[in-house]
Structures are given as C-alpha cells and as structure tokens.
Amino acid sequence: MTHIVDIEEVFQRIIQKLQAKIVRYKSFSLLSDLNKNYERAAILQDIVAAIESSLEKEEK
C-alpha cells in the first residue's frame, strides 16, 4: 500500500519539532550545560533556516 505524502507538510512538522527542541535547549539548561545547549540550539536554528529557505525556493 502506497501513501501519498505532502513533502512540505512533512518539512513543516520537522521544523516544528526542531523549534521545540531549540526552545527546550534555551530554556531548561543547567548553567554547566548552557554553552553546549546554546551551540545545539544554534545548529538546529541553522537547519530550520536551511529547510525554510529550500521550501521557499521550491515555491518560486
């Protein structure tokens, strides 16, 4: 059985999950883990930006 998937919808869900992780990294970090968590959040933000940019290019 094949499922037809809207790829943009899949990416939007991925973006939402990544953004939730970003918020969690920035909010609930212990002081000792703060730098590491901000680095993780920055990496995830870069990934989100790349996906969003890619989706915008596809629309044009």
PDB file of N, CA and C in Angstrom:
ATOM      1  N   MET A   1       0.847  -1.188   0.000  1.00  0.00           N
ATOM      2  CA  MET A   1       0.000   0.000   0.000  1.00  0.00           C
ATOM      3  C   MET A   1       0.890   1.248   0.000  1.00  0.00           C
ATOM      4  N   THR A   2       0.610   2.139  -0.896  1.00  0.00           N
ATOM      5  CA  THR A   2       1.410   3.371  -1.007  1.00  0.00           C
ATOM      6  C   THR A   2       0.661   4.538  -0.384  1.00  0.00           C
ATOM      7  N   HIS A   3       1.444   5.410   0.238  1.00  0.00           N
ATOM      8  CA  HIS A   3       0.862   6.616   0.829  1.00  0.00           C
ATOM      9  C   HIS A   3       1.418   7.816   0.094  1.00  0.00           C
ATOM     10  N   ILE A   4       0.535   8.722  -0.271  1.00  0.00           N
ATOM     11  CA  ILE A   4       0.974   9.971  -0.888  1.00  0.00           C
ATOM     12  C   ILE A   4       1.197  10.971   0.236  1.00  0.00           C
ATOM     13  N   VAL A   5       2.399  11.538   0.251  1.00  0.00           N
ATOM     14  CA  VAL A   5       2.775  12.432   1.339  1.00  0.00           C
ATOM     15  C   VAL A   5       3.081  13.815   0.771  1.00  0.00           C
ATOM     16  N   ASP A   6       2.536  14.827   1.414  1.00  0.00           N
ATOM     17  CA  ASP A   6       2.865  16.209   1.056  1.00  0.00           C
ATOM     18  C   ASP A   6       4.201  16.544   1.714  1.00  0.00           C
ATOM     19  N   ILE A   7       5.243  16.635   0.902  1.00  0.00           N
ATOM     20  CA  ILE A   7       6.598  16.805   1.427  1.00  0.00           C
ATOM     21  C   ILE A   7       6.723  18.102   2.220  1.00  0.00           C
ATOM     22  N   GLU A   8       6.040  19.141   1.778  1.00  0.00           N
ATOM     23  CA  GLU A   8       6.108  20.410   2.508  1.00  0.00           C
ATOM     24  C   GLU A   8       5.519  20.262   3.907  1.00  0.00           C
ATOM     25  N   GLU A   9       4.439  19.501   3.997  1.00  0.00           N
ATOM     26  CA  GLU A   9       3.830  19.258   5.308  1.00  0.00           C
ATOM     27  C   GLU A   9       4.792  18.493   6.218  1.00  0.00           C
ATOM     28  N   VAL A  10       5.497  17.537   5.647  1.00  0.00           N
ATOM     29  CA  VAL A  10       6.489  16.776   6.415  1.00  0.00           C
ATOM     30  C   VAL A  10       7.574  17.713   6.938  1.00  0.00           C
ATOM     31  N   PHE A  11       8.082  18.578   6.071  1.00  0.00           N
ATOM     32  CA  PHE A  11       9.125  19.515   6.490  1.00  0.00           C
ATOM     33  C   PHE A  11       8.607  20.497   7.536  1.00  0.00           C
ATOM     34  N   GLN A  12       7.351  20.925   7.411  1.00  0.00           N
ATOM     35  CA  GLN A  12       6.782  21.825   8.409  1.00  0.00           C
ATOM     36  C   GLN A  12       6.738  21.147   9.778  1.00  0.00           C
ATOM     37  N   ARG A  13       6.392  19.843   9.787  1.00  0.00           N
ATOM     38  CA  ARG A  13       6.383  19.109  11.057  1.00  0.00           C
ATOM     39  C   ARG A  13       7.793  18.992  11.620  1.00  0.00           C
ATOM     40  N   ILE A  14       8.761  18.741  10.747  1.00  0.00           N
ATOM     41  CA  ILE A  14      10.159  18.661  11.184  1.00  0.00           C
ATOM     42  C   ILE A  14      10.581  19.986  11.796  1.00  0.00           C
ATOM     43  N   ILE A  15      10.253  21.092  11.121  1.00  0.00           N
ATOM     44  CA  ILE A  15      10.604  22.431  11.604  1.00  0.00           C
ATOM     45  C   ILE A  15       9.986  22.666  12.978  1.00  0.00           C
ATOM     46  N   GLN A  16       8.716  22.303  13.145  1.00  0.00           N
ATOM     47  CA  GLN A  16       8.054  22.497  14.442  1.00  0.00           C
ATOM     48  C   GLN A  16       8.767  21.719  15.543  1.00  0.00           C
ATOM     49  N   LYS A  17       9.150  20.479  15.252  1.00  0.00           N
ATOM     50  CA  LYS A  17       9.825  19.665  16.268  1.00  0.00           C
ATOM     51  C   LYS A  17      11.203  20.238  16.592  1.00  0.00           C
ATOM     52  N   LEU A  18      11.915  20.693  15.566  1.00  0.00           N
ATOM     53  CA  LEU A  18      13.229  21.286  15.806  1.00  0.00           C
ATOM     54  C   LEU A  18      13.104  22.566  16.629  1.00  0.00           C
ATOM     55  N   GLN A  19      12.113  23.381  16.301  1.00  0.00           N
ATOM     56  CA  GLN A  19      11.931  24.625  17.052  1.00  0.00           C
ATOM     57  C   GLN A  19      11.574  24.343  18.511  1.00  0.00           C
ATOM     58  N   ALA A  20      10.822  23.283  18.758  1.00  0.00           N
ATOM     59  CA  ALA A  20      10.504  22.909  20.136  1.00  0.00           C
ATOM     60  C   ALA A  20      11.783  22.507  20.876  1.00  0.00           C
ATOM     61  N   LYS A  21      12.656  21.790  20.193  1.00  0.00           N
ATOM     62  CA  LYS A  21      13.933  21.409  20.801  1.00  0.00           C
ATOM     63  C   LYS A  21      14.783  22.643  21.089  1.00  0.00           C
ATOM     64  N   ILE A  22      14.779  23.598  20.164  1.00  0.00           N
ATOM     65  CA  ILE A  22      15.545  24.832  20.347  1.00  0.00           C
ATOM     66  C   ILE A  22      15.081  25.543  21.614  1.00  0.00           C
ATOM     67  N   VAL A  23      13.771  25.676  21.764  1.00  0.00           N
ATOM     68  CA  VAL A  23      13.213  26.336  22.944  1.00  0.00           C
ATOM     69  C   VAL A  23      13.619  25.586  24.206  1.00  0.00           C
ATOM     70  N   ARG A  24      13.534  24.254  24.134  1.00  0.00           N
ATOM     71  CA  ARG A  24      13.896  23.449  25.304  1.00  0.00           C
ATOM     72  C   ARG A  24      15.367  23.621  25.651  1.00  0.00           C
ATOM     73  N   TYR A  25      16.234  23.617  24.640  1.00  0.00           N
ATOM     74  CA  TYR A  25      17.664  23.808  24.895  1.00  0.00           C
ATOM     75  C   TYR A  25      17.934  25.164  25.539  1.00  0.00           C
ATOM     76  N   LYS A  26      17.225  26.180  25.081  1.00  0.00           N
ATOM     77  CA  LYS A  26      17.479  27.526  25.596  1.00  0.00           C
ATOM     78  C   LYS A  26      16.847  27.754  26.973  1.00  0.00           C
ATOM     79  N   SER A  27      15.785  27.029  27.274  1.00  0.00           N
ATOM     80  CA  SER A  27      15.033  27.301  28.497  1.00  0.00           C
ATOM     81  C   SER A  27      15.461  26.468  29.691  1.00  0.00           C
ATOM     82  N   PHE A  28      15.625  25.179  29.466  1.00  0.00           N
ATOM     83  CA  PHE A  28      15.754  24.256  30.589  1.00  0.00           C
ATOM     84  C   PHE A  28      17.173  23.736  30.761  1.00  0.00           C
ATOM     85  N   SER A  29      18.152  24.591  30.543  1.00  0.00           N
ATOM     86  CA  SER A  29      19.512  24.096  30.639  1.00  0.00           C
ATOM     87  C   SER A  29      20.146  24.485  31.971  1.00  0.00           C
ATOM     88  N   LEU A  30      20.908  23.576  32.489  1.00  0.00           N
ATOM     89  CA  LEU A  30      21.682  23.873  33.686  1.00  0.00           C
ATOM     90  C   LEU A  30      22.817  24.809  33.290  1.00  0.00           C
ATOM     91  N   LEU A  31      23.285  25.567  34.225  1.00  0.00           N
ATOM     92  CA  LEU A  31      24.346  26.531  33.925  1.00  0.00           C
ATOM     93  C   LEU A  31      25.562  25.859  33.308  1.00  0.00           C
ATOM     94  N   SER A  32      25.919  24.679  33.806  1.00  0.00           N
ATOM     95  CA  SER A  32      27.099  23.982  33.286  1.00  0.00           C
ATOM     96  C   SER A  32      26.912  23.557  31.827  1.00  0.00           C
ATOM     97  N   ASP A  33      25.665  23.311  31.434  1.00  0.00           N
ATOM     98  CA  ASP A  33      25.391  22.861  30.063  1.00  0.00           C
ATOM     99  C   ASP A  33      24.987  24.000  29.139  1.00  0.00           C
ATOM    100  N   LEU A  34      24.963  25.213  29.672  1.00  0.00           N
ATOM    101  CA  LEU A  34      24.415  26.332  28.918  1.00  0.00           C
ATOM    102  C   LEU A  34      25.093  26.530  27.569  1.00  0.00           C
ATOM    103  N   ASN A  35      26.426  26.591  27.552  1.00  0.00           N
ATOM    104  CA  ASN A  35      27.126  26.807  26.281  1.00  0.00           C
ATOM    105  C   ASN A  35      26.856  25.692  25.291  1.00  0.00           C
ATOM    106  N   LYS A  36      26.903  24.452  25.766  1.00  0.00           N
ATOM    107  CA  LYS A  36      26.666  23.313  24.883  1.00  0.00           C
ATOM    108  C   LYS A  36      25.247  23.362  24.313  1.00  0.00           C
ATOM    109  N   ASN A  37      24.277  23.700  25.163  1.00  0.00           N
ATOM    110  CA  ASN A  37      22.891  23.751  24.708  1.00  0.00           C
ATOM    111  C   ASN A  37      22.656  24.911  23.743  1.00  0.00           C
ATOM    112  N   TYR A  38      23.311  26.041  23.967  1.00  0.00           N
ATOM    113  CA  TYR A  38      23.176  27.144  23.013  1.00  0.00           C
ATOM    114  C   TYR A  38      23.812  26.785  21.672  1.00  0.00           C
ATOM    115  N   GLU A  39      24.913  26.031  21.700  1.00  0.00           N
ATOM    116  CA  GLU A  39      25.509  25.563  20.441  1.00  0.00           C
ATOM    117  C   GLU A  39      24.544  24.640  19.716  1.00  0.00           C
ATOM    118  N   ARG A  40      23.932  23.721  20.459  1.00  0.00           N
ATOM    119  CA  ARG A  40      22.947  22.814  19.849  1.00  0.00           C
ATOM    120  C   ARG A  40      21.783  23.597  19.268  1.00  0.00           C
ATOM    121  N   ALA A  41      21.295  24.570  20.010  1.00  0.00           N
ATOM    122  CA  ALA A  41      20.173  25.383  19.538  1.00  0.00           C
ATOM    123  C   ALA A  41      20.555  26.131  18.267  1.00  0.00           C
ATOM    124  N   ALA A  42      21.772  26.656  18.216  1.00  0.00           N
ATOM    125  CA  ALA A  42      22.232  27.388  17.026  1.00  0.00           C
ATOM    126  C   ALA A  42      22.293  26.465  15.816  1.00  0.00           C
ATOM    127  N   ILE A  43      22.778  25.250  16.016  1.00  0.00           N
ATOM    128  CA  ILE A  43      22.851  24.286  14.908  1.00  0.00           C
ATOM    129  C   ILE A  43      21.444  23.966  14.404  1.00  0.00           C
ATOM    130  N   LEU A  44      20.523  23.717  15.338  1.00  0.00           N
ATOM    131  CA  LEU A  44      19.147  23.411  14.938  1.00  0.00           C
ATOM    132  C   LEU A  44      18.510  24.601  14.222  1.00  0.00           C
ATOM    133  N   GLN A  45      18.808  25.819  14.674  1.00  0.00           N
ATOM    134  CA  GLN A  45      18.259  27.006  14.002  1.00  0.00           C
ATOM    135  C   GLN A  45      18.791  27.107  12.575  1.00  0.00           C
ATOM    136  N   ASP A  46      20.064  26.758  12.370  1.00  0.00           N
ATOM    137  CA  ASP A  46      20.627  26.746  11.015  1.00  0.00           C
ATOM    138  C   ASP A  46      19.907  25.730  10.132  1.00  0.00           C
ATOM    139  N   ILE A  47      19.608  24.556  10.705  1.00  0.00           N
ATOM    140  CA  ILE A  47      18.901  23.518   9.949  1.00  0.00           C
ATOM    141  C   ILE A  47      17.507  24.004   9.568  1.00  0.00           C
ATOM    142  N   VAL A  48      16.805  24.600  10.525  1.00  0.00           N
ATOM    143  CA  VAL A  48      15.462  25.127  10.265  1.00  0.00           C
ATOM    144  C   VAL A  48      15.520  26.181   9.161  1.00  0.00           C
ATOM    145  N   ALA A  49      16.477  27.084   9.236  1.00  0.00           N
ATOM    146  CA  ALA A  49      16.610  28.140   8.226  1.00  0.00           C
ATOM    147  C   ALA A  49      16.882  27.538   6.845  1.00  0.00           C
ATOM    148  N   ALA A  50      17.715  26.517   6.796  1.00  0.00           N
ATOM    149  CA  ALA A  50      18.030  25.877   5.512  1.00  0.00           C
ATOM    150  C   ALA A  50      16.797  25.203   4.920  1.00  0.00           C
ATOM    151  N   ILE A  51      16.018  24.532   5.761  1.00  0.00           N
ATOM    152  CA  ILE A  51      14.798  23.872   5.272  1.00  0.00           C
ATOM    153  C   ILE A  51      13.800  24.916   4.779  1.00  0.00           C
ATOM    154  N   GLU A  52      13.608  25.961   5.563  1.00  0.00           N
ATOM    155  CA  GLU A  52      12.659  27.005   5.167  1.00  0.00           C
ATOM    156  C   GLU A  52      13.096  27.674   3.867  1.00  0.00           C
ATOM    157  N   SER A  53      14.380  27.942   3.744  1.00  0.00           N
ATOM    158  CA  SER A  53      14.915  28.552   2.526  1.00  0.00           C
ATOM    159  C   SER A  53      14.687  27.640   1.325  1.00  0.00           C
ATOM    160  N   SER A  54      14.916  26.368   1.515  1.00  0.00           N
ATOM    161  CA  SER A  54      14.725  25.386   0.451  1.00  0.00           C
ATOM    162  C   SER A  54      13.260  25.325   0.027  1.00  0.00           C
ATOM    163  N   LEU A  55      12.356  25.357   1.004  1.00  0.00           N
ATOM    164  CA  LEU A  55      10.929  25.329   0.696  1.00  0.00           C
ATOM    165  C   LEU A  55      10.511  26.581  -0.066  1.00  0.00           C
ATOM    166  N   GLU A  56      11.059  27.734   0.319  1.00  0.00           N
ATOM    167  CA  GLU A  56      10.727  28.981  -0.367  1.00  0.00           C
ATOM    168  C   GLU A  56      11.199  28.941  -1.816  1.00  0.00           C
ATOM    169  N   LYS A  57      12.389  28.391  -2.072  1.00  0.00           N
ATOM    170  CA  LYS A  57      12.915  28.288  -3.439  1.00  0.00           C
ATOM    171  C   LYS A  57      12.035  27.376  -4.280  1.00  0.00           C
ATOM    172  N   GLU A  58      11.531  26.287  -3.684  1.00  0.00           N
ATOM    173  CA  GLU A  58      10.666  25.353  -4.392  1.00  0.00           C
ATOM    174  C   GLU A  58       9.371  26.027  -4.836  1.00  0.00           C
ATOM    175  N   GLU A  59       8.859  26.947  -4.009  1.00  0.00           N
ATOM    176  CA  GLU A  59       7.594  27.609  -4.312  1.00  0.00           C
ATOM    177  C   GLU A  59       7.714  28.558  -5.488  1.00  0.00           C
ATOM    178  N   LYS A  60       8.924  29.093  -5.715  1.00  0.00           N
ATOM    179  CA  LYS A  60       9.097  30.084  -6.783  1.00  0.00           C
ATOM    180  C   LYS A  60       9.223  29.451  -8.136  1.00  0.00           C
TER     181      LYS A  60
END
